[in-house]
Amino acid sequence: MSSSVTRAAESEPAQPAGRAAAASPPEAAAAPRPGKRKAAGPARVALAGLAGALLYLGFPPRPLWWLAPFALALLAGCLRGRRARAGFGLGFLFGLGFLLPLLVWTGEGVGPVPWIALVTLEALLIGLTCLGVALVSRLPGWPLWAAAVWTAGEALRARAPFGGFSWGKLAFGQADGVLTPLAAVGGTPLLSFGVALCGFGLYEALRVARRRPRSGAAALAALAVAAPVAGALAARPLVSGAAEDGTAVAAVIQGNVPRAGFDFNAQRRQVLDNHANRTIQLAEDVKAGRAPKPDFVVWPENSSDIDPFTQPDAHAVIDKAVKAIGVPVAIGSVLAPETGPLRNTMILWDPVKGPTDTYDKRKIQPFGERIPMRSFVRLFSSDVDRVRRDFGPGKEPGVFDMAGSGIGMVTCYEAAFDDAVRSTVRAGAQVIAVPSNNATFGRTEMTYQQLAMDRIRAVEHSRTVLVPVTSGVSAVIQPDGKVTRQTKMFTADALVAEIPLRSSQTPATRLGPLPEYALLLLAAGGLGAVAARRIRARRSA
C-alpha cells in the first residue's frame, strides 16, 4: 500500500512554465539549483532527528512543555512539500530522535534489545504519520490537515500492534501547558491536535510572513496558532477543583520494595509485609493524633503478589493491616487460578467482612504481562521466560464503594488508554485511583512520564486521581491537574489528604471517542483531497 501512495505522490505531472509560475510564484522563483538541492538532503535529515530530540526535552520530568510546538514546527520545515517516500524517512528519523531517549527505561534490567525493537516499531508508525503530513502539506490550509493526520497517527499507535502503545502522545507532555483545558473538551486527541496545529501553524506563519507578510495566507497561518490557545482559554471554566459531592479523606500507601529491577518480586512476602507494616504504622499515627483518620486506603498494584485467596498467611497479613486501620482498603494482588491465565487484580477488603469485590486489569501489557509470539521472541531475548504464565484481561470497569465514595480502579498501564479511564468514570467513579508498580524501572523517567499522564486524566474527566506506587512516585492529584502531595522514590511512606468528590461529566467524558472520530474524518478528508488532485492531474496529462 505504501508503494502505491509513494508513486502517487511522485507522479505530479509537468506543467507549462507559465502555469507553474502563476500557481506558485515564490516557490518557482526560489527553486534551488541542483547543487544546493544535494546539500539540503543531509540538512533535513539532521533537522528531523533534532526535532525529535527537542520534543523529547519537552516531556516530563522537565517542565518544558512549550518546546513541543517548536519541535513540530521544525519537523514541518523538513516535511512540507516533500514526496511521500521522503516524508516517511524523515518521520522515521524524527521518531528515533524522540523515542530513543523517551523509552530508554524499557531496557532497564533486560538489555537494549526490547528497547531498540519497541522504538523501531513505534518510529515506523511515526514515519507513516509523517508520510501523510508530507502529502497534505501541499493543500491550502495544510496545518489543519497535517494536525488531523498527526492525531490519526496517534490513534493508530494507541491501537496497534498488540493492542497499542500510547506512550509519547503529544497530550501527555502538556500537564503544565496552556492548552491542557482542551483535554476536558475532547480528551487527549483534541489536546494533541491543538499542540500539532500550533506547531505546524507556527512554521507556516513564519514561512509566509517572510515572503508575504500582509497576505491572507499569513493571517490564516497565524489563526492556526491562535485558535488552540483561544479554545483552551475558553475551556478554562471546565477545569475546577471544587467539590460537588462533599469531600473524603483518602490515604495511599507506598510500602517500598527490597530492591529495584525485575527481581524485586523475588521477595514477594517482603513487599506484602512492607505495605502491611506501613498501613499499621498509619493506624498508630491516627491513634496518636499525628495523622487524620482516612475514610479509605489504596495500596499499589502488586503490593501482594501472593494470592490471598489461596495462601492463608497472605490473607492473615492483609486482614490484620486492614483491621488495624479500620476502613476499606483496595489491595493490589496477583490471583493464580488452577487453570487459565493469571489475573492482575485489585481487591476491596473490608475490615469486618474481608474481601468483598474485585477488579481485573483490562489492558494487559504486551511483552511485560503477556508474551505474544513467545517462541519467536525467545530467539532474540531469553528474558521472555521471566513471564512464565501470561496474564489475562478483565472485561468490566471496576468502581469500588469505599465508605460511600465511588473509587474507580485504573491499574498502572491502563492510564495510557483513553477508553479504559473514560469507561471507569462513566461507570460512576467519583475518584480515580491508579495503583501502579514502577519498581521494575528503577529511578528512570518512566514514573514521571506516567504521573504526567495521570495529571492529564484528572483534567480530562475532572476527577481527583490517587496514585499509589510500590516504590514511588506516589501522589495525590486534584481535579485541576495540580499535584498536592507527592512521595520520594524508594522510600516507605503514606499520603493522607482530604479530596473533593465529583460526579459531573466533562464534555470529553460525555462525548467519548467522537472528537477523535471527527479528527480521523478530517485527516481522511485531507488525504482524500490529495488523492483526488493526483487523479485529476493524471487525467489532464
Protein backbone atom coordinates (compact mmCIF):
# COMPACT_ATOMS: atom_id res chain seq x y z
CA MET A 1 0.00 0.00 0.00
CA SER A 2 2.79 2.44 0.87
CA SER A 3 4.45 1.92 -2.52
CA SER A 4 1.29 2.95 -4.39
CA VAL A 5 0.96 6.04 -2.23
CA THR A 6 4.58 6.87 -2.92
CA ARG A 7 4.10 6.55 -6.67
CA ALA A 8 1.03 8.78 -6.48
CA ALA A 9 2.98 11.37 -4.52
CA GLU A 10 5.83 11.33 -7.02
CA SER A 11 3.74 11.38 -10.18
CA GLU A 12 2.70 15.03 -10.28
CA PRO A 13 2.67 15.88 -13.99
CA ALA A 14 4.79 18.57 -15.53
CA GLN A 15 3.03 21.85 -16.29
CA PRO A 16 3.85 24.61 -18.73
CA ALA A 17 6.22 27.12 -17.26
CA GLY A 18 3.63 29.86 -17.34
CA ARG A 19 1.10 27.85 -15.34
CA ALA A 20 3.68 26.78 -12.80
CA ALA A 21 4.81 30.34 -12.26
CA ALA A 22 1.26 31.58 -11.92
CA ALA A 23 0.35 28.86 -9.45
CA SER A 24 3.23 29.42 -7.04
CA PRO A 25 5.47 32.36 -7.93
CA PRO A 26 7.52 32.43 -4.69
CA GLU A 27 8.33 28.72 -4.87
CA ALA A 28 9.10 28.86 -8.61
CA ALA A 29 11.28 31.92 -8.22
CA ALA A 30 13.18 30.35 -5.33
CA ALA A 31 13.77 26.97 -6.96
CA PRO A 32 17.19 25.75 -5.79
CA ARG A 33 19.99 24.84 -8.19
CA PRO A 34 20.90 21.15 -8.37
CA GLY A 35 24.00 21.68 -6.25
CA LYS A 36 22.01 23.25 -3.46
CA ARG A 37 19.40 20.52 -3.65
CA LYS A 38 22.03 17.90 -2.81
CA ALA A 39 23.15 19.86 0.23
CA ALA A 40 19.57 20.17 1.50
CA GLY A 41 19.19 16.39 1.99
CA PRO A 42 21.65 15.92 4.88
CA ALA A 43 20.40 19.13 6.47
CA ARG A 44 16.81 17.87 6.53
CA VAL A 45 17.94 14.52 7.90
CA ALA A 46 19.79 16.21 10.75
CA LEU A 47 16.91 18.60 11.45
CA ALA A 48 14.40 15.75 11.59
CA GLY A 49 16.42 13.95 14.25
CA LEU A 50 16.99 17.22 16.10
CA ALA A 51 13.25 17.96 16.07
CA GLY A 52 12.58 14.56 17.67
CA ALA A 53 15.18 15.19 20.38
CA LEU A 54 13.64 18.62 21.01
CA LEU A 55 10.21 17.05 21.51
CA TYR A 56 11.71 14.59 24.00
CA LEU A 57 13.14 17.51 26.01
CA GLY A 58 9.59 18.88 26.26
CA PHE A 59 8.38 15.78 28.14
CA PRO A 60 8.43 15.15 31.92
CA PRO A 61 10.21 15.29 34.23
CA ARG A 62 11.27 18.54 32.55
CA PRO A 63 8.59 21.29 32.71
CA LEU A 64 9.43 22.40 29.15
CA TRP A 65 6.02 21.69 27.59
CA TRP A 66 6.36 24.76 25.33
CA LEU A 67 9.12 23.02 23.33
CA ALA A 68 6.56 20.72 21.66
CA PRO A 69 5.18 23.32 19.17
CA PHE A 70 8.71 24.37 18.24
CA ALA A 71 9.72 20.74 17.68
CA LEU A 72 6.75 20.23 15.38
CA ALA A 73 7.46 23.50 13.58
CA LEU A 74 10.98 22.23 12.91
CA LEU A 75 9.55 18.93 11.70
CA ALA A 76 7.14 20.81 9.42
CA GLY A 77 10.09 22.58 7.82
CA CYS A 78 11.52 19.17 6.96
CA LEU A 79 8.26 17.69 5.64
CA ARG A 80 6.48 20.48 3.78
CA GLY A 81 6.43 19.82 0.06
CA ARG A 82 8.38 16.56 0.36
CA ARG A 83 7.41 13.45 -1.54
CA ALA A 84 5.79 10.56 0.33
CA ARG A 85 8.98 8.47 0.48
CA ALA A 86 10.99 11.36 1.90
CA GLY A 87 8.21 12.14 4.39
CA PHE A 88 8.29 8.57 5.66
CA GLY A 89 12.07 8.53 6.02
CA LEU A 90 12.26 11.90 7.74
CA GLY A 91 9.40 10.92 10.04
CA PHE A 92 11.18 7.71 10.96
CA LEU A 93 14.30 9.69 11.91
CA PHE A 94 12.15 12.12 13.90
CA GLY A 95 10.61 9.14 15.72
CA LEU A 96 14.03 7.75 16.57
CA GLY A 97 15.23 11.12 17.88
CA PHE A 98 12.11 11.36 20.05
CA LEU A 99 11.56 7.80 21.27
CA LEU A 100 15.10 6.51 21.78
CA PRO A 101 15.64 8.73 24.84
CA LEU A 102 11.96 8.79 25.88
CA LEU A 103 11.65 4.99 26.16
CA VAL A 104 15.16 4.08 27.30
CA TRP A 105 13.62 2.77 30.53
CA THR A 106 12.10 -0.17 28.62
CA GLY A 107 15.56 -1.72 28.51
CA GLU A 108 16.02 -1.49 32.27
CA GLY A 109 17.16 -4.88 33.54
CA VAL A 110 16.68 -6.69 30.19
CA GLY A 111 19.22 -5.01 27.95
CA PRO A 112 18.87 -2.93 24.80
CA VAL A 113 17.09 -5.43 22.52
CA PRO A 114 13.49 -4.80 23.73
CA TRP A 115 14.14 -1.05 23.85
CA ILE A 116 15.51 -0.88 20.31
CA ALA A 117 12.75 -3.16 18.97
CA LEU A 118 9.96 -1.11 20.53
CA VAL A 119 11.44 2.22 19.44
CA THR A 120 11.96 0.98 15.88
CA LEU A 121 8.38 -0.23 15.61
CA GLU A 122 6.91 2.97 17.02
CA ALA A 123 9.22 5.13 14.88
CA LEU A 124 7.98 3.29 11.78
CA LEU A 125 4.43 4.25 12.73
CA ILE A 126 5.52 7.86 13.22
CA GLY A 127 7.17 7.65 9.81
CA LEU A 128 3.85 6.54 8.33
CA THR A 129 2.19 9.51 10.04
CA CYS A 130 4.74 11.92 8.60
CA LEU A 131 4.22 10.42 5.16
CA GLY A 132 0.63 11.59 5.47
CA VAL A 133 1.74 15.00 6.74
CA ALA A 134 4.01 15.41 3.71
CA LEU A 135 1.16 14.50 1.35
CA VAL A 136 -1.31 17.05 2.79
CA SER A 137 1.35 19.76 3.10
CA ARG A 138 0.58 20.92 -0.47
CA LEU A 139 -3.09 21.60 0.31
CA PRO A 140 -4.45 25.08 1.12
CA GLY A 141 -4.65 25.47 4.89
CA TRP A 142 -2.32 22.49 5.26
CA PRO A 143 -1.55 22.93 9.02
CA LEU A 144 -5.17 21.95 9.77
CA TRP A 145 -4.96 18.80 7.66
CA ALA A 146 -1.49 17.95 8.98
CA ALA A 147 -2.58 18.26 12.62
CA ALA A 148 -5.50 15.92 11.93
CA VAL A 149 -3.17 13.42 10.26
CA TRP A 150 -0.85 13.58 13.27
CA THR A 151 -3.79 12.82 15.58
CA ALA A 152 -4.77 9.91 13.34
CA GLY A 153 -1.23 8.57 13.68
CA GLU A 154 -1.52 8.71 17.47
CA ALA A 155 -4.86 6.88 17.24
CA LEU A 156 -3.14 4.13 15.25
CA ARG A 157 -0.29 3.84 17.73
CA ALA A 158 -2.81 3.56 20.58
CA ARG A 159 -4.43 0.53 18.97
CA ALA A 160 -1.81 -1.43 17.03
CA PRO A 161 0.10 -3.61 17.13
CA PHE A 162 -0.62 -5.91 20.10
CA GLY A 163 -3.31 -3.60 21.45
CA GLY A 164 -1.30 -0.39 21.00
CA PHE A 165 1.21 1.68 22.94
CA SER A 166 0.20 5.27 23.73
CA TRP A 167 3.45 6.49 25.30
CA GLY A 168 4.67 9.68 23.66
CA LYS A 169 1.28 11.19 22.83
CA LEU A 170 1.69 14.95 22.48
CA ALA A 171 -1.06 15.39 25.09
CA PHE A 172 0.98 13.60 27.76
CA GLY A 173 3.69 16.25 27.61
CA GLN A 174 1.28 19.09 28.33
CA ALA A 175 0.35 18.63 32.01
CA ASP A 176 1.69 22.13 32.79
CA GLY A 177 0.81 23.66 29.44
CA VAL A 178 -1.61 26.42 28.48
CA LEU A 179 -3.51 24.09 26.13
CA THR A 180 -4.32 21.50 28.84
CA PRO A 181 -8.00 22.57 29.25
CA LEU A 182 -8.64 21.22 25.75
CA ALA A 183 -8.46 17.74 27.33
CA ALA A 184 -11.70 18.48 29.20
CA VAL A 185 -13.42 19.27 25.89
CA GLY A 186 -12.25 16.49 23.57
CA GLY A 187 -9.88 14.32 25.56
CA THR A 188 -6.26 13.63 24.69
CA PRO A 189 -6.97 13.53 20.91
CA LEU A 190 -8.13 17.15 20.90
CA LEU A 191 -5.23 18.23 23.11
CA SER A 192 -2.71 16.53 20.80
CA PHE A 193 -4.45 18.09 17.80
CA GLY A 194 -4.15 21.54 19.39
CA VAL A 195 -0.43 21.11 20.04
CA ALA A 196 0.18 19.85 16.49
CA LEU A 197 -1.88 22.67 14.97
CA CYS A 198 0.14 25.24 16.93
CA GLY A 199 3.42 23.71 15.78
CA PHE A 200 2.54 23.35 12.11
CA GLY A 201 0.82 26.74 12.12
CA LEU A 202 3.90 28.34 13.67
CA TYR A 203 6.11 27.10 10.84
CA GLU A 204 3.63 28.24 8.20
CA ALA A 205 3.22 31.65 9.82
CA LEU A 206 6.99 32.21 9.80
CA ARG A 207 7.34 30.96 6.24
CA VAL A 208 4.52 33.08 4.83
CA ALA A 209 5.40 36.16 6.90
CA ARG A 210 8.88 36.16 5.39
CA ARG A 211 7.50 36.22 1.86
CA ARG A 212 4.02 37.78 2.02
CA PRO A 213 3.58 39.31 5.47
CA ARG A 214 0.31 41.10 4.66
CA SER A 215 -1.41 38.33 2.73
CA GLY A 216 -4.49 36.38 3.72
CA ALA A 217 -2.31 33.26 3.92
CA ALA A 218 -0.26 34.89 6.69
CA ALA A 219 -3.42 35.70 8.64
CA LEU A 220 -4.69 32.14 8.21
CA ALA A 221 -1.40 30.69 9.44
CA ALA A 222 -1.45 32.98 12.48
CA LEU A 223 -5.00 31.79 13.17
CA ALA A 224 -3.75 28.20 13.29
CA VAL A 225 -1.51 29.18 16.20
CA ALA A 226 -4.06 31.38 17.95
CA ALA A 227 -7.12 29.12 17.64
CA PRO A 228 -5.93 26.33 20.00
CA VAL A 229 -4.83 28.90 22.58
CA ALA A 230 -8.18 30.70 22.35
CA GLY A 231 -10.00 27.37 22.62
CA ALA A 232 -8.03 26.43 25.72
CA LEU A 233 -8.80 29.77 27.36
CA ALA A 234 -12.49 29.34 26.58
CA ALA A 235 -12.40 25.85 28.11
CA ARG A 236 -10.72 27.05 31.29
CA PRO A 237 -14.00 27.13 33.31
CA LEU A 238 -14.26 23.36 32.82
CA VAL A 239 -11.11 22.89 34.91
CA SER A 240 -12.15 23.02 38.55
CA GLY A 241 -11.00 21.52 41.82
CA ALA A 242 -14.23 22.29 43.69
CA ALA A 243 -16.13 19.53 45.49
CA GLU A 244 -19.58 18.60 44.16
CA ASP A 245 -20.45 15.67 46.45
CA GLY A 246 -18.58 16.71 49.54
CA THR A 247 -15.10 15.53 50.43
CA ALA A 248 -13.39 12.39 51.67
CA VAL A 249 -10.11 11.71 53.43
CA ALA A 250 -8.05 9.29 51.34
CA ALA A 251 -4.77 7.54 52.08
CA VAL A 252 -2.33 5.99 49.62
CA ILE A 253 0.33 3.59 50.83
CA GLN A 254 3.84 3.28 49.41
CA GLY A 255 5.43 0.34 51.18
CA ASN A 256 8.60 0.25 49.05
CA VAL A 257 10.37 -2.86 47.70
CA PRO A 258 13.50 -4.75 48.81
CA ARG A 259 15.31 -3.87 45.59
CA ALA A 260 14.63 -2.34 42.19
CA GLY A 261 14.54 -4.15 38.87
CA PHE A 262 12.82 -7.27 37.58
CA ASP A 263 13.89 -9.31 40.61
CA PHE A 264 12.05 -7.09 43.11
CA ASN A 265 9.22 -9.65 43.33
CA ALA A 266 11.62 -12.47 44.21
CA GLN A 267 10.85 -11.31 47.77
CA ARG A 268 7.08 -11.13 47.35
CA ARG A 269 6.42 -11.68 51.02
CA GLN A 270 8.69 -8.78 51.94
CA VAL A 271 6.80 -6.47 49.57
CA LEU A 272 3.50 -7.52 51.16
CA ASP A 273 4.91 -7.06 54.68
CA ASN A 274 6.21 -3.60 53.77
CA HIS A 275 2.76 -2.41 52.73
CA ALA A 276 1.02 -4.06 55.66
CA ASN A 277 3.51 -2.58 58.14
CA ARG A 278 3.20 0.92 56.64
CA THR A 279 -0.58 0.67 56.95
CA ILE A 280 -0.31 -0.42 60.58
CA GLN A 281 2.08 2.49 61.20
CA LEU A 282 -0.51 4.85 59.71
CA ALA A 283 -3.12 3.39 62.06
CA GLU A 284 -0.80 4.11 65.02
CA ASP A 285 -0.25 7.68 63.75
CA VAL A 286 -4.02 8.15 63.59
CA LYS A 287 -4.46 6.93 67.15
CA ALA A 288 -1.68 9.23 68.34
CA GLY A 289 -3.22 12.23 66.55
CA ARG A 290 -0.30 12.59 64.17
CA ALA A 291 -2.46 11.94 61.08
CA PRO A 292 -6.16 12.32 60.27
CA LYS A 293 -8.18 9.12 60.04
CA PRO A 294 -8.79 8.20 56.41
CA ASP A 295 -12.15 7.11 55.04
CA PHE A 296 -10.44 4.59 52.79
CA VAL A 297 -6.95 3.43 51.78
CA VAL A 298 -5.47 2.37 48.42
CA TRP A 299 -2.45 0.09 48.07
CA PRO A 300 -0.38 -0.13 44.86
CA GLU A 301 -0.50 -2.69 42.10
CA ASN A 302 1.44 -5.86 43.05
CA SER A 303 1.51 -4.91 46.72
CA SER A 304 0.56 -8.55 47.38
CA ASP A 305 1.84 -10.80 44.60
CA ILE A 306 0.85 -13.69 46.85
CA ASP A 307 -2.74 -14.75 46.18
CA PRO A 308 -4.63 -14.14 49.47
CA PHE A 309 -7.49 -16.39 48.33
CA THR A 310 -5.24 -19.45 48.17
CA GLN A 311 -2.47 -18.55 50.66
CA PRO A 312 -3.74 -18.29 54.28
CA ASP A 313 -0.61 -16.49 55.51
CA ALA A 314 -1.04 -13.66 52.98
CA HIS A 315 -4.73 -13.43 53.87
CA ALA A 316 -3.85 -13.10 57.55
CA VAL A 317 -1.24 -10.36 56.96
CA ILE A 318 -3.63 -8.27 54.86
CA ASP A 319 -6.59 -8.79 57.18
CA LYS A 320 -4.53 -7.70 60.20
CA ALA A 321 -3.46 -4.47 58.48
CA VAL A 322 -6.98 -3.67 57.29
CA LYS A 323 -8.45 -4.29 60.74
CA ALA A 324 -5.76 -2.05 62.27
CA ILE A 325 -6.69 0.94 60.08
CA GLY A 326 -10.40 0.11 60.40
CA VAL A 327 -11.52 1.33 56.95
CA PRO A 328 -11.89 -0.27 53.48
CA VAL A 329 -8.60 -0.89 51.68
CA ALA A 330 -8.01 -1.62 47.99
CA ILE A 331 -5.28 -4.25 47.68
CA GLY A 332 -3.23 -4.89 44.52
CA SER A 333 -2.71 -8.62 44.09
CA VAL A 334 -1.96 -11.38 41.59
CA LEU A 335 -4.54 -14.17 41.51
CA ALA A 336 -3.43 -17.58 40.27
CA PRO A 337 -6.38 -19.80 39.33
CA GLU A 338 -5.71 -23.50 38.83
CA THR A 339 -6.25 -23.16 35.10
CA GLY A 340 -6.16 -20.26 32.66
CA PRO A 341 -4.18 -17.04 32.79
CA LEU A 342 -3.10 -15.09 35.86
CA ARG A 343 -5.13 -12.07 36.95
CA ASN A 344 -3.76 -8.66 37.93
CA THR A 345 -6.48 -7.87 40.44
CA MET A 346 -7.47 -5.10 42.83
CA ILE A 347 -9.32 -6.49 45.85
CA LEU A 348 -11.71 -4.43 48.00
CA TRP A 349 -11.02 -5.54 51.57
CA ASP A 350 -13.47 -4.58 54.33
CA PRO A 351 -12.24 -4.54 57.95
CA VAL A 352 -15.29 -6.59 59.03
CA LYS A 353 -16.34 -8.63 56.00
CA GLY A 354 -12.94 -9.23 54.44
CA PRO A 355 -12.69 -9.35 50.61
CA THR A 356 -15.95 -8.12 49.08
CA ASP A 357 -15.20 -7.10 45.46
CA THR A 358 -12.51 -7.40 42.80
CA TYR A 359 -11.39 -5.66 39.62
CA ASP A 360 -9.26 -7.40 36.98
CA LYS A 361 -6.93 -5.21 34.95
CA ARG A 362 -8.26 -4.94 31.38
CA LYS A 363 -5.24 -3.58 29.48
CA ILE A 364 -2.51 -6.20 29.75
CA GLN A 365 0.96 -5.02 28.82
CA PRO A 366 2.40 -6.98 25.86
CA PHE A 367 5.90 -8.37 26.44
CA GLY A 368 5.53 -7.44 30.12
CA GLU A 369 2.46 -9.25 31.42
CA ARG A 370 1.88 -11.43 28.36
CA ILE A 371 4.26 -12.57 25.64
CA PRO A 372 2.89 -12.56 22.10
CA MET A 373 4.78 -14.84 19.67
CA ARG A 374 6.76 -16.29 22.58
CA SER A 375 8.79 -18.83 20.59
CA PHE A 376 9.80 -16.23 18.01
CA VAL A 377 10.69 -13.53 20.54
CA ARG A 378 12.78 -16.03 22.51
CA LEU A 379 15.20 -16.10 19.56
CA PHE A 380 16.17 -12.52 20.40
CA SER A 381 15.90 -12.47 24.20
CA SER A 382 15.62 -15.24 26.79
CA ASP A 383 14.10 -12.70 29.19
CA VAL A 384 10.67 -13.55 27.80
CA ASP A 385 10.73 -16.63 30.02
CA ARG A 386 10.68 -14.42 33.09
CA VAL A 387 6.97 -14.23 32.33
CA ARG A 388 6.29 -17.95 32.82
CA ARG A 389 2.50 -17.61 32.73
CA ASP A 390 0.62 -14.94 30.83
CA PHE A 391 -1.88 -12.61 32.44
CA GLY A 392 -5.42 -12.43 31.08
CA PRO A 393 -7.55 -9.27 30.74
CA GLY A 394 -10.67 -8.41 32.70
CA LYS A 395 -13.84 -7.34 30.95
CA GLU A 396 -15.66 -4.77 33.10
CA PRO A 397 -14.62 -1.44 34.65
CA GLY A 398 -14.13 -1.52 38.40
CA VAL A 399 -15.66 1.05 40.75
CA PHE A 400 -15.38 0.18 44.44
CA ASP A 401 -17.83 1.52 47.01
CA MET A 402 -15.39 2.66 49.67
CA ALA A 403 -17.10 4.31 52.64
CA GLY A 404 -19.83 5.66 50.38
CA SER A 405 -17.48 7.03 47.71
CA GLY A 406 -17.13 5.59 44.22
CA ILE A 407 -13.42 4.89 43.65
CA GLY A 408 -12.61 3.83 40.09
CA MET A 409 -9.68 1.48 39.52
CA VAL A 410 -7.37 2.20 36.57
CA THR A 411 -4.38 -0.08 37.06
CA CYS A 412 -0.99 1.35 36.02
CA TYR A 413 -0.57 0.77 32.24
CA GLU A 414 -4.30 1.41 31.72
CA ALA A 415 -3.84 5.13 32.40
CA ALA A 416 -2.32 5.48 28.92
CA PHE A 417 -5.56 4.38 27.22
CA ASP A 418 -8.47 6.77 26.74
CA ASP A 419 -11.21 4.15 26.78
CA ALA A 420 -10.00 2.45 29.97
CA VAL A 421 -10.14 5.67 32.00
CA ARG A 422 -13.30 7.02 30.37
CA SER A 423 -15.31 3.83 30.93
CA THR A 424 -14.34 3.85 34.61
CA VAL A 425 -15.62 7.40 35.08
CA ARG A 426 -18.80 6.62 33.15
CA ALA A 427 -19.35 3.64 35.46
CA GLY A 428 -19.72 6.05 38.38
CA ALA A 429 -16.23 6.83 39.66
CA GLN A 430 -16.11 9.99 41.78
CA VAL A 431 -12.36 9.50 42.25
CA ILE A 432 -9.85 7.73 40.00
CA ALA A 433 -7.20 5.50 41.59
CA VAL A 434 -4.16 4.48 39.52
CA PRO A 435 -2.40 1.78 41.59
CA SER A 436 0.98 1.18 39.94
CA ASN A 437 4.21 -0.75 40.23
CA ASN A 438 7.23 1.01 38.73
CA ALA A 439 9.92 -0.78 40.72
CA THR A 440 10.92 -2.70 37.59
CA PHE A 441 12.15 0.53 36.01
CA GLY A 442 14.29 1.79 38.87
CA ARG A 443 14.94 5.52 39.05
CA THR A 444 14.28 6.21 35.38
CA GLU A 445 11.99 8.90 33.97
CA MET A 446 9.19 6.38 33.46
CA THR A 447 7.43 7.11 36.75
CA TYR A 448 7.36 10.86 36.00
CA GLN A 449 6.05 10.26 32.49
CA GLN A 450 3.22 8.17 33.93
CA LEU A 451 2.49 10.77 36.60
CA ALA A 452 2.05 13.36 33.84
CA MET A 453 -0.50 11.05 32.16
CA ASP A 454 -2.40 10.84 35.44
CA ARG A 455 -2.46 14.63 35.68
CA ILE A 456 -3.93 14.90 32.17
CA ARG A 457 -6.58 12.30 33.11
CA ALA A 458 -7.52 14.39 36.15
CA VAL A 459 -8.26 17.41 33.93
CA GLU A 460 -9.85 15.34 31.17
CA HIS A 461 -12.50 13.89 33.49
CA SER A 462 -12.44 16.46 36.34
CA ARG A 463 -11.64 13.87 38.99
CA THR A 464 -9.16 13.58 41.83
CA VAL A 465 -6.54 10.98 40.92
CA LEU A 466 -4.83 8.91 43.62
CA VAL A 467 -1.53 7.32 42.57
CA PRO A 468 -0.17 4.68 44.99
CA VAL A 469 3.09 3.19 43.66
CA THR A 470 5.10 0.40 45.27
CA SER A 471 8.38 2.32 45.12
CA GLY A 472 7.20 5.83 44.10
CA VAL A 473 6.45 8.35 42.96
CA SER A 474 3.06 8.18 44.72
CA ALA A 475 0.87 11.28 44.55
CA VAL A 476 -2.47 12.96 45.15
CA ILE A 477 -3.66 14.92 42.10
CA GLN A 478 -6.53 17.41 42.25
CA PRO A 479 -9.21 17.56 39.51
CA ASP A 480 -7.45 20.59 38.03
CA GLY A 481 -4.28 18.52 37.48
CA LYS A 482 -2.24 20.00 40.33
CA VAL A 483 -0.16 17.63 42.46
CA THR A 484 -0.80 18.48 46.12
CA ARG A 485 1.00 15.56 47.80
CA GLN A 486 3.92 13.51 46.50
CA THR A 487 6.41 10.97 47.85
CA LYS A 488 10.06 10.36 47.09
CA MET A 489 11.23 7.28 45.24
CA PHE A 490 12.22 4.07 47.05
CA THR A 491 11.01 5.14 50.47
CA ALA A 492 8.17 3.81 52.62
CA ASP A 493 5.51 6.49 53.05
CA ALA A 494 1.81 7.22 53.36
CA LEU A 495 -0.07 10.21 51.97
CA VAL A 496 -3.27 11.29 53.68
CA ALA A 497 -5.31 14.08 52.11
CA GLU A 498 -8.82 15.46 52.04
CA ILE A 499 -10.00 15.27 48.44
CA PRO A 500 -13.05 16.62 46.58
CA LEU A 501 -15.66 14.18 45.30
CA ARG A 502 -17.13 14.98 41.88
CA SER A 503 -19.82 13.29 39.79
CA SER A 504 -20.45 15.71 36.88
CA GLN A 505 -19.07 14.72 33.50
CA THR A 506 -16.89 16.89 31.31
CA PRO A 507 -17.66 17.16 27.58
CA ALA A 508 -14.73 14.80 27.00
CA THR A 509 -16.33 12.17 29.24
CA ARG A 510 -19.76 12.55 27.65
CA LEU A 511 -18.58 12.69 24.04
CA GLY A 512 -16.27 9.71 24.42
CA PRO A 513 -14.41 8.86 21.20
CA LEU A 514 -16.48 11.22 19.00
CA PRO A 515 -13.88 14.05 18.93
CA GLU A 516 -11.22 11.56 17.87
CA TYR A 517 -13.52 10.15 15.19
CA ALA A 518 -14.16 13.67 13.88
CA LEU A 519 -10.42 14.31 13.63
CA LEU A 520 -9.96 10.98 11.85
CA LEU A 521 -12.59 12.05 9.30
CA LEU A 522 -10.75 15.36 8.87
CA ALA A 523 -7.50 13.51 8.24
CA ALA A 524 -9.24 11.21 5.76
CA GLY A 525 -10.68 14.26 4.01
CA GLY A 526 -7.24 15.80 3.60
CA LEU A 527 -5.70 12.60 2.26
CA GLY A 528 -8.73 12.11 0.02
CA ALA A 529 -8.27 15.62 -1.39
CA VAL A 530 -4.64 14.79 -2.19
CA ALA A 531 -5.68 11.60 -3.96
CA ALA A 532 -8.35 13.48 -5.93
CA ARG A 533 -5.82 16.09 -7.07
CA ARG A 534 -3.44 13.36 -8.22
CA ILE A 535 -6.22 11.64 -10.21
CA ARG A 536 -7.30 14.90 -11.86
CA ALA A 537 -3.69 15.74 -12.70
CA ARG A 538 -3.15 12.35 -14.33
CA ARG A 539 -6.30 12.66 -16.37
CA SER A 540 -5.46 16.15 -17.56
CA ALA A 541 -1.97 14.99 -18.51
